[in-house]
Amino acid sequence: MDRHDWNERYRTRELVWTATPNRFVVEHVGDLPPGRAIDVAAGEARNAVWLAEQGWRAMAVDFSEVALGKARELARSRNVTVETAVVDVVHEPLPGGPYDLVLVAYLQLPAPERATAMRHCVDALAPGGTFLAVAHDASNLAGGYGGPQDPTVLASPASVVDLLGGLTVVSAAIVERPVETPDGERVAFDHVVRAVRP
């Protein structure tokens, strides 16, 4: 989907995604001291809003200006401040760095675009900062529920690690995520990669 398609998807009154932060973001970031954070391809910025609630100075970037409008509304409704900027991370560096946390949640791109986006994310990370990527895993196609059905936009933990030159990998694993469906609970397979800049 391109920028126009995402803008149209975000034009609905309701949130496209939940307002609740991603469980893996909470798990991996909850123990970090607050600092400056950027939520890349943030959409409606549920994770950036949660970060702001935890005391982070949060920036949300996305290539959809409609999504970022909803992000600002969500932040106002929670009485927190989240900066926003329209950025296409495939074509532009991240603004305002360096950051103590660079978060990339469910940015599903073909390999060449993924490599460029990850380079921009690594470049924006401060010394001692944490990089966290959460995404639908390639293994989800064969045995998981939901997510993109296009194998070209699905990666593995190892393929993400290969893009993180200069960082020290803390963990890189495939994780299970329960999903409630009309037919009962199903399981999706994601991957979570956490790294730090020495």
N, C-alpha and C. Protein backbone atom coordinates (compact mmCIF):
# COMPACT_ATOMS: atom_id res chain seq x y z
N MET A 1 0.83 -1.19 0.00
CA MET A 1 0.00 0.00 0.00
C MET A 1 0.88 1.25 0.00
N ASP A 2 0.48 2.25 -0.78
CA ASP A 2 1.25 3.49 -0.82
C ASP A 2 0.64 4.52 0.14
N ARG A 3 1.22 5.72 0.14
CA ARG A 3 0.77 6.77 1.06
C ARG A 3 -0.72 7.08 0.88
N HIS A 4 -1.17 7.17 -0.36
CA HIS A 4 -2.58 7.46 -0.62
C HIS A 4 -3.47 6.38 -0.02
N ASP A 5 -3.10 5.12 -0.21
CA ASP A 5 -3.91 4.01 0.33
C ASP A 5 -3.98 4.07 1.85
N TRP A 6 -2.85 4.35 2.49
CA TRP A 6 -2.84 4.42 3.95
C TRP A 6 -3.64 5.62 4.44
N ASN A 7 -3.53 6.75 3.75
CA ASN A 7 -4.34 7.90 4.15
C ASN A 7 -5.82 7.57 4.09
N GLU A 8 -6.24 6.89 3.04
CA GLU A 8 -7.65 6.51 2.93
C GLU A 8 -8.05 5.55 4.04
N ARG A 9 -7.17 4.62 4.36
CA ARG A 9 -7.48 3.66 5.43
C ARG A 9 -7.63 4.38 6.77
N TYR A 10 -6.80 5.39 7.01
CA TYR A 10 -6.84 6.09 8.28
C TYR A 10 -7.96 7.13 8.37
N ARG A 11 -8.68 7.38 7.29
CA ARG A 11 -9.72 8.41 7.31
C ARG A 11 -10.95 8.01 8.12
N THR A 12 -11.09 6.77 8.50
CA THR A 12 -12.23 6.35 9.31
C THR A 12 -12.17 7.07 10.66
N ARG A 13 -13.31 7.25 11.28
CA ARG A 13 -13.36 7.95 12.57
C ARG A 13 -12.68 7.14 13.67
N GLU A 14 -12.89 5.84 13.65
CA GLU A 14 -12.31 4.99 14.68
C GLU A 14 -10.83 4.77 14.40
N LEU A 15 -10.13 4.32 15.45
CA LEU A 15 -8.73 3.96 15.26
C LEU A 15 -8.64 2.70 14.42
N VAL A 16 -7.72 2.70 13.46
CA VAL A 16 -7.48 1.49 12.67
C VAL A 16 -6.86 0.43 13.55
N TRP A 17 -5.95 0.85 14.42
CA TRP A 17 -5.32 -0.05 15.39
C TRP A 17 -5.88 0.30 16.76
N THR A 18 -5.64 -0.52 17.73
CA THR A 18 -6.09 -0.25 19.09
C THR A 18 -5.30 0.92 19.69
N ALA A 19 -5.83 1.53 20.73
CA ALA A 19 -5.11 2.58 21.45
C ALA A 19 -4.14 1.99 22.48
N THR A 20 -4.21 0.68 22.67
CA THR A 20 -3.35 0.00 23.64
C THR A 20 -1.96 -0.22 23.04
N PRO A 21 -0.90 0.01 23.79
CA PRO A 21 0.44 -0.20 23.23
C PRO A 21 0.69 -1.67 22.94
N ASN A 22 1.59 -1.93 22.01
CA ASN A 22 1.97 -3.30 21.68
C ASN A 22 2.58 -3.97 22.90
N ARG A 23 2.18 -5.20 23.16
CA ARG A 23 2.63 -5.91 24.36
C ARG A 23 4.15 -6.09 24.41
N PHE A 24 4.77 -6.27 23.23
CA PHE A 24 6.22 -6.47 23.19
C PHE A 24 6.97 -5.16 23.43
N VAL A 25 6.37 -4.05 23.02
CA VAL A 25 6.95 -2.75 23.32
C VAL A 25 6.95 -2.54 24.83
N VAL A 26 5.83 -2.81 25.47
CA VAL A 26 5.74 -2.66 26.93
C VAL A 26 6.76 -3.57 27.61
N GLU A 27 6.86 -4.79 27.16
CA GLU A 27 7.78 -5.76 27.77
C GLU A 27 9.24 -5.33 27.66
N HIS A 28 9.63 -4.80 26.50
CA HIS A 28 11.04 -4.50 26.26
C HIS A 28 11.45 -3.08 26.62
N VAL A 29 10.48 -2.19 26.76
CA VAL A 29 10.81 -0.79 27.03
C VAL A 29 10.49 -0.41 28.48
N GLY A 30 9.62 -1.16 29.12
CA GLY A 30 9.17 -0.82 30.46
C GLY A 30 10.28 -0.67 31.48
N ASP A 31 11.42 -1.34 31.25
CA ASP A 31 12.52 -1.27 32.22
C ASP A 31 13.56 -0.20 31.87
N LEU A 32 13.34 0.54 30.78
CA LEU A 32 14.32 1.55 30.36
C LEU A 32 14.03 2.89 31.03
N PRO A 33 15.09 3.63 31.39
CA PRO A 33 14.86 4.98 31.92
C PRO A 33 14.36 5.89 30.79
N PRO A 34 13.34 6.70 31.04
CA PRO A 34 12.82 7.57 29.97
C PRO A 34 13.87 8.54 29.46
N GLY A 35 13.79 8.79 28.17
CA GLY A 35 14.65 9.75 27.51
C GLY A 35 13.93 10.26 26.27
N ARG A 36 14.66 10.39 25.17
CA ARG A 36 14.06 10.81 23.90
C ARG A 36 13.77 9.57 23.07
N ALA A 37 12.55 9.47 22.55
CA ALA A 37 12.14 8.29 21.78
C ALA A 37 11.51 8.71 20.47
N ILE A 38 11.70 7.89 19.45
CA ILE A 38 11.02 8.09 18.17
C ILE A 38 10.33 6.79 17.79
N ASP A 39 9.05 6.92 17.43
CA ASP A 39 8.22 5.80 16.99
C ASP A 39 8.12 5.93 15.47
N VAL A 40 8.77 5.00 14.77
CA VAL A 40 8.91 5.06 13.31
C VAL A 40 7.76 4.31 12.64
N ALA A 41 7.17 4.93 11.61
CA ALA A 41 5.97 4.38 10.97
C ALA A 41 4.91 4.16 12.04
N ALA A 42 4.66 5.23 12.81
CA ALA A 42 3.88 5.14 14.04
C ALA A 42 2.39 4.97 13.82
N GLY A 43 1.89 5.27 12.63
CA GLY A 43 0.44 5.22 12.43
C GLY A 43 -0.24 6.19 13.37
N GLU A 44 -1.22 5.71 14.12
CA GLU A 44 -1.96 6.55 15.06
C GLU A 44 -1.22 6.72 16.39
N ALA A 45 -0.02 6.19 16.47
CA ALA A 45 0.94 6.48 17.55
C ALA A 45 0.55 5.92 18.91
N ARG A 46 -0.09 4.77 18.93
CA ARG A 46 -0.45 4.18 20.23
C ARG A 46 0.78 3.93 21.08
N ASN A 47 1.89 3.52 20.45
CA ASN A 47 3.10 3.26 21.22
C ASN A 47 3.77 4.55 21.68
N ALA A 48 3.79 5.56 20.82
CA ALA A 48 4.39 6.85 21.20
C ALA A 48 3.60 7.49 22.33
N VAL A 49 2.28 7.38 22.28
CA VAL A 49 1.45 7.94 23.36
C VAL A 49 1.75 7.22 24.67
N TRP A 50 1.87 5.90 24.63
CA TRP A 50 2.21 5.15 25.84
C TRP A 50 3.58 5.57 26.36
N LEU A 51 4.53 5.73 25.46
CA LEU A 51 5.86 6.18 25.87
C LEU A 51 5.78 7.54 26.58
N ALA A 52 5.01 8.44 26.02
CA ALA A 52 4.85 9.76 26.65
C ALA A 52 4.24 9.62 28.04
N GLU A 53 3.31 8.71 28.19
CA GLU A 53 2.71 8.47 29.50
C GLU A 53 3.73 7.94 30.51
N GLN A 54 4.77 7.29 30.02
CA GLN A 54 5.82 6.75 30.90
C GLN A 54 6.93 7.77 31.15
N GLY A 55 6.79 8.98 30.61
CA GLY A 55 7.77 10.02 30.86
C GLY A 55 8.76 10.26 29.74
N TRP A 56 8.62 9.55 28.62
CA TRP A 56 9.51 9.76 27.48
C TRP A 56 9.12 11.04 26.75
N ARG A 57 10.11 11.71 26.14
CA ARG A 57 9.83 12.78 25.18
C ARG A 57 9.69 12.08 23.83
N ALA A 58 8.47 11.93 23.38
CA ALA A 58 8.18 11.04 22.25
C ALA A 58 7.90 11.80 20.97
N MET A 59 8.47 11.29 19.90
CA MET A 59 8.22 11.77 18.54
C MET A 59 7.59 10.62 17.76
N ALA A 60 6.55 10.91 17.00
CA ALA A 60 5.92 9.91 16.12
C ALA A 60 6.08 10.36 14.69
N VAL A 61 6.61 9.48 13.83
CA VAL A 61 6.75 9.81 12.42
C VAL A 61 6.05 8.75 11.58
N ASP A 62 5.45 9.20 10.50
CA ASP A 62 4.76 8.31 9.57
C ASP A 62 4.64 9.05 8.25
N PHE A 63 4.44 8.30 7.15
CA PHE A 63 4.25 9.00 5.88
C PHE A 63 2.79 9.37 5.64
N SER A 64 1.89 9.00 6.56
CA SER A 64 0.48 9.35 6.45
C SER A 64 0.16 10.53 7.36
N GLU A 65 -0.13 11.67 6.74
CA GLU A 65 -0.51 12.83 7.53
C GLU A 65 -1.85 12.63 8.23
N VAL A 66 -2.73 11.80 7.64
CA VAL A 66 -4.02 11.51 8.28
C VAL A 66 -3.80 10.72 9.57
N ALA A 67 -2.93 9.72 9.53
CA ALA A 67 -2.62 8.94 10.74
C ALA A 67 -2.06 9.84 11.82
N LEU A 68 -1.17 10.77 11.45
CA LEU A 68 -0.56 11.62 12.46
C LEU A 68 -1.56 12.62 13.05
N GLY A 69 -2.55 13.01 12.27
CA GLY A 69 -3.64 13.83 12.84
C GLY A 69 -4.37 13.06 13.92
N LYS A 70 -4.63 11.79 13.67
CA LYS A 70 -5.28 10.96 14.69
C LYS A 70 -4.34 10.72 15.87
N ALA A 71 -3.04 10.65 15.61
CA ALA A 71 -2.07 10.50 16.69
C ALA A 71 -2.13 11.69 17.64
N ARG A 72 -2.21 12.89 17.07
CA ARG A 72 -2.29 14.09 17.92
C ARG A 72 -3.57 14.10 18.74
N GLU A 73 -4.67 13.64 18.14
CA GLU A 73 -5.94 13.55 18.88
C GLU A 73 -5.84 12.55 20.02
N LEU A 74 -5.21 11.40 19.76
CA LEU A 74 -5.05 10.38 20.80
C LEU A 74 -4.19 10.93 21.94
N ALA A 75 -3.10 11.62 21.61
CA ALA A 75 -2.25 12.20 22.65
C ALA A 75 -3.02 13.22 23.48
N ARG A 76 -3.79 14.08 22.83
CA ARG A 76 -4.59 15.08 23.57
C ARG A 76 -5.59 14.39 24.50
N SER A 77 -6.21 13.32 24.02
CA SER A 77 -7.20 12.63 24.85
C SER A 77 -6.57 11.97 26.07
N ARG A 78 -5.26 11.72 26.00
CA ARG A 78 -4.55 11.10 27.13
C ARG A 78 -3.75 12.13 27.93
N ASN A 79 -3.88 13.41 27.56
CA ASN A 79 -3.20 14.51 28.27
C ASN A 79 -1.69 14.37 28.26
N VAL A 80 -1.14 13.97 27.11
CA VAL A 80 0.31 13.92 26.95
C VAL A 80 0.68 14.64 25.65
N THR A 81 1.96 14.92 25.52
CA THR A 81 2.47 15.58 24.33
C THR A 81 3.30 14.60 23.52
N VAL A 82 2.98 14.47 22.24
CA VAL A 82 3.76 13.68 21.30
C VAL A 82 4.02 14.55 20.09
N GLU A 83 5.29 14.78 19.78
CA GLU A 83 5.62 15.51 18.56
C GLU A 83 5.34 14.60 17.37
N THR A 84 4.98 15.20 16.24
CA THR A 84 4.74 14.41 15.03
C THR A 84 5.44 15.07 13.85
N ALA A 85 5.81 14.22 12.88
CA ALA A 85 6.39 14.72 11.64
C ALA A 85 6.08 13.73 10.53
N VAL A 86 5.70 14.26 9.38
CA VAL A 86 5.47 13.42 8.20
C VAL A 86 6.83 13.06 7.61
N VAL A 87 7.17 11.78 7.69
CA VAL A 87 8.47 11.28 7.23
C VAL A 87 8.26 9.93 6.56
N ASP A 88 8.83 9.76 5.39
CA ASP A 88 8.89 8.46 4.74
C ASP A 88 10.28 7.89 4.99
N VAL A 89 10.38 6.99 5.95
CA VAL A 89 11.68 6.51 6.42
C VAL A 89 12.47 5.77 5.34
N VAL A 90 11.80 5.36 4.26
CA VAL A 90 12.52 4.72 3.16
C VAL A 90 13.32 5.77 2.38
N HIS A 91 12.83 7.00 2.35
CA HIS A 91 13.46 8.03 1.53
C HIS A 91 14.08 9.18 2.31
N GLU A 92 13.84 9.24 3.62
CA GLU A 92 14.32 10.37 4.41
C GLU A 92 14.95 9.89 5.71
N PRO A 93 15.99 10.58 6.16
CA PRO A 93 16.52 10.26 7.50
C PRO A 93 15.51 10.70 8.56
N LEU A 94 15.67 10.16 9.76
CA LEU A 94 14.78 10.52 10.86
C LEU A 94 15.18 11.88 11.42
N PRO A 95 14.20 12.74 11.67
CA PRO A 95 14.52 14.10 12.14
C PRO A 95 14.80 14.15 13.64
N GLY A 96 15.60 15.13 14.03
CA GLY A 96 15.71 15.48 15.44
C GLY A 96 16.54 14.57 16.31
N GLY A 97 17.29 13.65 15.72
CA GLY A 97 18.07 12.72 16.53
C GLY A 97 19.26 13.39 17.17
N PRO A 98 20.03 12.66 17.98
CA PRO A 98 19.86 11.23 18.22
C PRO A 98 18.82 10.94 19.31
N TYR A 99 18.36 9.68 19.32
CA TYR A 99 17.32 9.24 20.24
C TYR A 99 17.83 8.14 21.15
N ASP A 100 17.29 8.11 22.36
CA ASP A 100 17.62 7.05 23.32
C ASP A 100 16.86 5.76 23.02
N LEU A 101 15.76 5.89 22.28
CA LEU A 101 14.98 4.73 21.85
C LEU A 101 14.49 4.98 20.43
N VAL A 102 14.79 4.03 19.56
CA VAL A 102 14.22 4.03 18.21
C VAL A 102 13.35 2.78 18.11
N LEU A 103 12.05 3.01 17.95
CA LEU A 103 11.07 1.94 17.91
C LEU A 103 10.51 1.80 16.51
N VAL A 104 10.50 0.57 16.01
CA VAL A 104 9.94 0.29 14.68
C VAL A 104 8.97 -0.88 14.85
N ALA A 105 7.68 -0.59 14.85
CA ALA A 105 6.68 -1.64 15.07
C ALA A 105 5.84 -1.85 13.81
N TYR A 106 5.96 -3.04 13.26
CA TYR A 106 5.16 -3.50 12.11
C TYR A 106 5.34 -2.64 10.87
N LEU A 107 6.56 -2.28 10.59
CA LEU A 107 6.89 -1.65 9.32
C LEU A 107 7.28 -2.78 8.37
N GLN A 108 6.37 -3.16 7.52
CA GLN A 108 6.57 -4.33 6.64
C GLN A 108 6.94 -3.84 5.25
N LEU A 109 8.21 -4.07 4.86
CA LEU A 109 8.73 -3.56 3.60
C LEU A 109 9.50 -4.64 2.85
N PRO A 110 9.55 -4.56 1.53
CA PRO A 110 10.46 -5.45 0.78
C PRO A 110 11.90 -5.21 1.21
N ALA A 111 12.75 -6.19 0.97
CA ALA A 111 14.12 -6.18 1.50
C ALA A 111 14.91 -4.91 1.18
N PRO A 112 14.93 -4.41 -0.06
CA PRO A 112 15.75 -3.20 -0.31
C PRO A 112 15.27 -1.99 0.48
N GLU A 113 13.95 -1.78 0.55
CA GLU A 113 13.41 -0.65 1.32
C GLU A 113 13.62 -0.86 2.81
N ARG A 114 13.51 -2.11 3.26
CA ARG A 114 13.74 -2.42 4.67
C ARG A 114 15.18 -2.06 5.07
N ALA A 115 16.12 -2.38 4.20
CA ALA A 115 17.52 -2.09 4.50
C ALA A 115 17.75 -0.59 4.65
N THR A 116 17.16 0.21 3.77
CA THR A 116 17.32 1.66 3.86
C THR A 116 16.66 2.20 5.13
N ALA A 117 15.45 1.74 5.42
CA ALA A 117 14.75 2.20 6.61
C ALA A 117 15.52 1.86 7.88
N MET A 118 16.06 0.64 7.94
CA MET A 118 16.81 0.24 9.13
C MET A 118 18.09 1.06 9.28
N ARG A 119 18.73 1.41 8.16
CA ARG A 119 19.93 2.24 8.23
C ARG A 119 19.59 3.61 8.81
N HIS A 120 18.46 4.19 8.39
CA HIS A 120 18.05 5.47 8.94
C HIS A 120 17.77 5.35 10.44
N CYS A 121 17.19 4.23 10.86
CA CYS A 121 16.90 4.01 12.28
C CYS A 121 18.19 3.88 13.09
N VAL A 122 19.13 3.10 12.59
CA VAL A 122 20.41 2.93 13.28
C VAL A 122 21.14 4.26 13.39
N ASP A 123 21.13 5.03 12.31
CA ASP A 123 21.82 6.33 12.31
C ASP A 123 21.25 7.30 13.33
N ALA A 124 19.96 7.14 13.68
CA ALA A 124 19.30 8.08 14.60
C ALA A 124 19.48 7.70 16.07
N LEU A 125 20.16 6.59 16.35
CA LEU A 125 20.27 6.08 17.71
C LEU A 125 21.47 6.69 18.44
N ALA A 126 21.23 7.17 19.64
CA ALA A 126 22.28 7.77 20.46
C ALA A 126 23.17 6.69 21.07
N PRO A 127 24.41 7.03 21.42
CA PRO A 127 25.24 6.08 22.17
C PRO A 127 24.53 5.63 23.44
N GLY A 128 24.51 4.33 23.66
CA GLY A 128 23.80 3.77 24.81
C GLY A 128 22.32 3.58 24.56
N GLY A 129 21.83 4.01 23.39
CA GLY A 129 20.41 3.93 23.08
C GLY A 129 19.96 2.54 22.67
N THR A 130 18.67 2.33 22.72
CA THR A 130 18.04 1.04 22.41
C THR A 130 17.28 1.12 21.10
N PHE A 131 17.49 0.12 20.26
CA PHE A 131 16.72 -0.08 19.04
C PHE A 131 15.78 -1.25 19.29
N LEU A 132 14.50 -1.10 18.94
CA LEU A 132 13.54 -2.19 19.11
C LEU A 132 12.69 -2.29 17.85
N ALA A 133 12.70 -3.49 17.25
CA ALA A 133 11.86 -3.76 16.08
C ALA A 133 10.90 -4.90 16.42
N VAL A 134 9.63 -4.69 16.10
CA VAL A 134 8.60 -5.72 16.23
C VAL A 134 7.91 -5.81 14.88
N ALA A 135 7.75 -7.03 14.36
CA ALA A 135 7.13 -7.17 13.04
C ALA A 135 6.51 -8.55 12.89
N HIS A 136 5.61 -8.65 11.92
CA HIS A 136 5.10 -9.97 11.52
C HIS A 136 6.28 -10.77 10.98
N ASP A 137 6.44 -11.99 11.46
CA ASP A 137 7.56 -12.82 11.03
C ASP A 137 7.21 -13.60 9.77
N ALA A 138 8.26 -13.92 9.00
CA ALA A 138 8.06 -14.71 7.78
C ALA A 138 7.39 -16.05 8.06
N SER A 139 7.64 -16.63 9.24
CA SER A 139 7.05 -17.93 9.58
C SER A 139 5.54 -17.85 9.78
N ASN A 140 5.01 -16.63 9.92
CA ASN A 140 3.57 -16.47 10.12
C ASN A 140 2.77 -16.94 8.91
N LEU A 141 3.38 -16.85 7.73
CA LEU A 141 2.68 -17.26 6.51
C LEU A 141 2.24 -18.72 6.56
N ALA A 142 3.12 -19.58 7.06
CA ALA A 142 2.85 -21.01 7.04
C ALA A 142 2.02 -21.47 8.23
N GLY A 143 2.22 -20.83 9.40
CA GLY A 143 1.55 -21.38 10.57
C GLY A 143 0.87 -20.41 11.49
N GLY A 144 0.84 -19.13 11.11
CA GLY A 144 0.28 -18.14 12.01
C GLY A 144 -1.01 -17.53 11.49
N TYR A 145 -1.56 -16.61 12.26
CA TYR A 145 -2.83 -15.99 11.92
C TYR A 145 -2.61 -14.53 11.52
N GLY A 146 -3.28 -14.11 10.45
CA GLY A 146 -3.30 -12.70 10.06
C GLY A 146 -1.99 -12.22 9.49
N GLY A 147 -1.83 -10.90 9.50
CA GLY A 147 -0.62 -10.29 8.98
C GLY A 147 -0.58 -10.28 7.47
N PRO A 148 0.43 -9.63 6.91
CA PRO A 148 0.57 -9.57 5.45
C PRO A 148 0.73 -10.97 4.86
N GLN A 149 0.13 -11.17 3.73
CA GLN A 149 0.25 -12.46 3.04
C GLN A 149 1.25 -12.39 1.89
N ASP A 150 1.97 -11.29 1.80
CA ASP A 150 2.99 -11.10 0.77
C ASP A 150 4.35 -11.46 1.36
N PRO A 151 4.97 -12.55 0.92
CA PRO A 151 6.24 -12.96 1.52
C PRO A 151 7.37 -11.95 1.32
N THR A 152 7.25 -11.07 0.34
CA THR A 152 8.35 -10.12 0.09
C THR A 152 8.46 -9.06 1.19
N VAL A 153 7.41 -8.87 2.00
CA VAL A 153 7.47 -7.85 3.05
C VAL A 153 7.66 -8.47 4.43
N LEU A 154 7.92 -9.76 4.47
CA LEU A 154 8.11 -10.46 5.73
C LEU A 154 9.59 -10.81 5.91
N ALA A 155 10.08 -10.64 7.12
CA ALA A 155 11.49 -10.89 7.40
C ALA A 155 11.60 -11.90 8.54
N SER A 156 12.83 -12.20 8.88
CA SER A 156 13.14 -13.06 10.02
C SER A 156 14.00 -12.26 11.00
N PRO A 157 14.13 -12.73 12.24
CA PRO A 157 15.02 -12.02 13.17
C PRO A 157 16.44 -11.90 12.62
N ALA A 158 16.93 -12.98 12.01
CA ALA A 158 18.31 -12.96 11.50
C ALA A 158 18.48 -11.92 10.40
N SER A 159 17.48 -11.79 9.53
CA SER A 159 17.63 -10.83 8.44
C SER A 159 17.58 -9.39 8.95
N VAL A 160 16.85 -9.14 10.05
CA VAL A 160 16.86 -7.82 10.65
C VAL A 160 18.21 -7.55 11.32
N VAL A 161 18.71 -8.54 12.06
CA VAL A 161 20.01 -8.39 12.72
C VAL A 161 21.10 -8.03 11.71
N ASP A 162 21.04 -8.63 10.52
CA ASP A 162 22.04 -8.36 9.48
C ASP A 162 22.07 -6.90 9.07
N LEU A 163 21.00 -6.15 9.36
CA LEU A 163 20.91 -4.74 8.96
C LEU A 163 21.36 -3.78 10.05
N LEU A 164 21.78 -4.31 11.19
CA LEU A 164 22.04 -3.47 12.35
C LEU A 164 23.52 -3.29 12.64
N GLY A 165 24.30 -3.10 11.59
CA GLY A 165 25.74 -2.88 11.77
C GLY A 165 26.04 -1.75 12.73
N GLY A 166 26.95 -1.98 13.66
CA GLY A 166 27.31 -0.97 14.65
C GLY A 166 26.55 -1.10 15.95
N LEU A 167 25.53 -1.95 15.99
CA LEU A 167 24.76 -2.16 17.21
C LEU A 167 25.10 -3.52 17.81
N THR A 168 24.89 -3.65 19.11
CA THR A 168 25.05 -4.92 19.80
C THR A 168 23.68 -5.51 20.02
N VAL A 169 23.45 -6.71 19.50
CA VAL A 169 22.14 -7.34 19.61
C VAL A 169 21.97 -7.92 21.01
N VAL A 170 20.88 -7.55 21.65
CA VAL A 170 20.55 -8.06 22.99
C VAL A 170 19.70 -9.32 22.87
N SER A 171 18.72 -9.29 21.98
CA SER A 171 17.85 -10.45 21.75
C SER A 171 17.25 -10.35 20.37
N ALA A 172 16.99 -11.51 19.78
CA ALA A 172 16.35 -11.58 18.46
C ALA A 172 15.62 -12.91 18.40
N ALA A 173 14.30 -12.87 18.43
CA ALA A 173 13.56 -14.12 18.54
C ALA A 173 12.19 -14.02 17.87
N ILE A 174 11.67 -15.17 17.51
CA ILE A 174 10.28 -15.28 17.06
C ILE A 174 9.43 -15.47 18.31
N VAL A 175 8.33 -14.73 18.38
CA VAL A 175 7.45 -14.77 19.55
C VAL A 175 6.02 -15.04 19.10
N GLU A 176 5.25 -15.62 19.99
CA GLU A 176 3.83 -15.87 19.71
C GLU A 176 2.99 -14.74 20.27
N ARG A 177 1.98 -14.35 19.49
CA ARG A 177 1.06 -13.30 19.92
C ARG A 177 -0.37 -13.83 19.79
N PRO A 178 -1.10 -14.00 20.90
CA PRO A 178 -2.48 -14.46 20.80
C PRO A 178 -3.37 -13.41 20.14
N VAL A 179 -4.28 -13.85 19.29
CA VAL A 179 -5.19 -12.96 18.58
C VAL A 179 -6.61 -13.48 18.78
N GLU A 180 -7.47 -12.60 19.28
CA GLU A 180 -8.87 -12.97 19.45
C GLU A 180 -9.58 -12.85 18.10
N THR A 181 -10.27 -13.92 17.68
CA THR A 181 -11.02 -13.93 16.43
C THR A 181 -12.45 -14.39 16.71
N PRO A 182 -13.37 -14.20 15.77
CA PRO A 182 -14.74 -14.70 15.97
C PRO A 182 -14.79 -16.21 16.21
N ASP A 183 -13.77 -16.91 15.76
CA ASP A 183 -13.73 -18.37 15.93
C ASP A 183 -12.88 -18.80 17.12
N GLY A 184 -12.54 -17.87 18.00
CA GLY A 184 -11.72 -18.20 19.15
C GLY A 184 -10.31 -17.67 19.01
N GLU A 185 -9.48 -17.98 19.99
CA GLU A 185 -8.12 -17.46 19.99
C GLU A 185 -7.24 -18.18 18.98
N ARG A 186 -6.47 -17.39 18.24
CA ARG A 186 -5.48 -17.92 17.30
C ARG A 186 -4.12 -17.36 17.69
N VAL A 187 -3.08 -17.86 17.03
CA VAL A 187 -1.73 -17.42 17.34
C VAL A 187 -1.08 -16.83 16.10
N ALA A 188 -0.49 -15.64 16.26
CA ALA A 188 0.31 -15.02 15.20
C ALA A 188 1.77 -15.12 15.62
N PHE A 189 2.65 -15.20 14.62
CA PHE A 189 4.08 -15.25 14.87
C PHE A 189 4.72 -13.93 14.45
N ASP A 190 5.30 -13.27 15.43
CA ASP A 190 6.02 -12.02 15.20
C ASP A 190 7.50 -12.27 15.49
N HIS A 191 8.33 -11.29 15.18
CA HIS A 191 9.68 -11.32 15.70
C HIS A 191 9.97 -10.01 16.42
N VAL A 192 10.83 -10.11 17.42
CA VAL A 192 11.24 -8.96 18.20
C VAL A 192 12.76 -8.94 18.23
N VAL A 193 13.31 -7.81 17.81
CA VAL A 193 14.77 -7.64 17.81
C VAL A 193 15.09 -6.41 18.65
N ARG A 194 15.93 -6.63 19.66
CA ARG A 194 16.36 -5.54 20.55
C ARG A 194 17.88 -5.44 20.47
N ALA A 195 18.37 -4.22 20.29
CA ALA A 195 19.79 -3.99 20.18
C ALA A 195 20.14 -2.67 20.83
N VAL A 196 21.42 -2.47 21.12
CA VAL A 196 21.87 -1.21 21.72
C VAL A 196 23.09 -0.70 20.97
N ARG A 197 23.25 0.62 20.98
CA ARG A 197 24.47 1.21 20.45
C ARG A 197 25.48 1.31 21.59
N PRO A 198 26.64 0.71 21.44
CA PRO A 198 27.65 0.76 22.52
C PRO A 198 28.03 2.20 22.87
